C-alpha cells in the first residue's frame, strides 16, 4: 500500500537543508497530481540521488518531467 503523497513528501523534505524553490515545485506538483510517488519503493539513497540531480537543474517543466521519470522508474533515470 502506498503512503499518502504527504508522507512521501515529508521524506523528500528531509533531503533539503533549507527552504528551496525546487522543494516548492515538488510540493506543488504532488498537490496538483502532476508528480506521482515511485511505482516501486526507492531506497533513501536512490531518492536522494534523484532529488540531488533535480536540484542541479534550472526549475522548469522539463526538469520536473525528468524527476517524474526518475520516480516512475529509478533504474532508467540513471
Protein backbone atom coordinates (compact mmCIF):
# COMPACT_ATOMS: atom_id res chain seq x y z
CA UNK A 1 0.00 0.00 0.00
CA UNK A 2 1.31 3.44 -0.94
CA UNK A 3 1.63 6.18 1.62
CA UNK A 4 -0.33 9.35 1.01
CA UNK A 5 1.81 11.74 -1.05
CA UNK A 6 2.15 13.98 2.04
CA UNK A 7 4.11 11.24 3.82
CA UNK A 8 6.34 10.74 0.78
CA UNK A 9 6.82 14.50 0.52
CA UNK A 10 7.95 14.53 4.17
CA UNK A 11 10.66 12.05 3.17
CA UNK A 12 11.75 14.41 0.42
CA UNK A 13 11.69 17.46 2.72
CA UNK A 14 14.29 15.81 4.94
CA UNK A 15 16.70 15.90 1.99
CA UNK A 16 16.61 19.72 1.89
CA UNK A 17 18.59 21.75 4.43
CA UNK A 18 16.67 24.97 3.85
CA UNK A 19 13.59 26.28 2.06
CA UNK A 20 14.02 25.89 -1.67
CA UNK A 21 12.12 26.78 -4.84
CA UNK A 22 12.90 23.23 -6.01
CA UNK A 23 11.10 21.83 -2.96
CA UNK A 24 8.20 24.20 -3.56
CA UNK A 25 7.92 22.96 -7.16
CA UNK A 26 7.93 19.34 -5.98
CA UNK A 27 5.25 20.01 -3.35
CA UNK A 28 3.06 21.87 -5.87
CA UNK A 29 3.44 19.08 -8.43
CA UNK A 30 2.36 16.45 -5.90
CA UNK A 31 -0.62 18.57 -4.82
CA UNK A 32 -1.68 19.08 -8.45
CA UNK A 33 -1.17 15.41 -9.32
CA UNK A 34 1.49 16.06 -11.96
CA UNK A 35 4.10 14.24 -9.86
CA UNK A 36 3.42 10.77 -8.51
CA UNK A 37 5.11 8.62 -5.92
CA UNK A 38 7.52 5.99 -7.20
CA UNK A 39 5.87 2.96 -8.73
CA UNK A 40 8.42 0.81 -6.90
CA UNK A 41 9.83 1.58 -3.45
CA UNK A 42 13.01 3.67 -3.55
CA UNK A 43 15.81 3.49 -1.04
CA UNK A 44 16.81 6.69 0.71
CA UNK A 45 19.98 6.68 -1.40
CA UNK A 46 18.04 6.39 -4.69
CA UNK A 47 15.63 9.12 -3.64
CA UNK A 48 18.48 11.40 -2.51
CA UNK A 49 20.24 10.90 -5.86
CA UNK A 50 17.09 11.76 -7.81
CA UNK A 51 16.47 14.89 -5.73
CA UNK A 52 20.12 15.97 -5.91
CA UNK A 53 20.05 15.64 -9.71
CA UNK A 54 16.79 17.63 -9.84
CA UNK A 55 18.31 20.41 -7.72
CA UNK A 56 21.20 20.82 -10.18
CA UNK A 57 18.78 21.70 -12.99
CA UNK A 58 17.04 25.03 -13.50
CA UNK A 59 13.39 24.96 -12.47
CA UNK A 60 11.28 24.11 -15.48
CA UNK A 61 8.60 21.73 -16.67
CA UNK A 62 11.38 19.74 -18.35
CA UNK A 63 13.31 19.26 -15.10
CA UNK A 64 10.08 18.26 -13.34
CA UNK A 65 9.34 15.69 -16.07
CA UNK A 66 12.85 14.27 -15.62
CA UNK A 67 12.24 13.91 -11.87
CA UNK A 68 8.88 12.28 -12.56
CA UNK A 69 10.60 9.79 -14.85
CA UNK A 70 13.14 9.00 -12.13
CA UNK A 71 10.35 8.38 -9.63
CA UNK A 72 8.43 6.27 -12.11
CA UNK A 73 11.40 4.04 -12.88
CA UNK A 74 14.56 4.93 -10.94
CA UNK A 75 16.73 2.48 -12.85
CA UNK A 76 16.02 4.08 -16.24
CA UNK A 77 16.81 7.55 -14.87
CA UNK A 78 20.48 6.82 -14.35
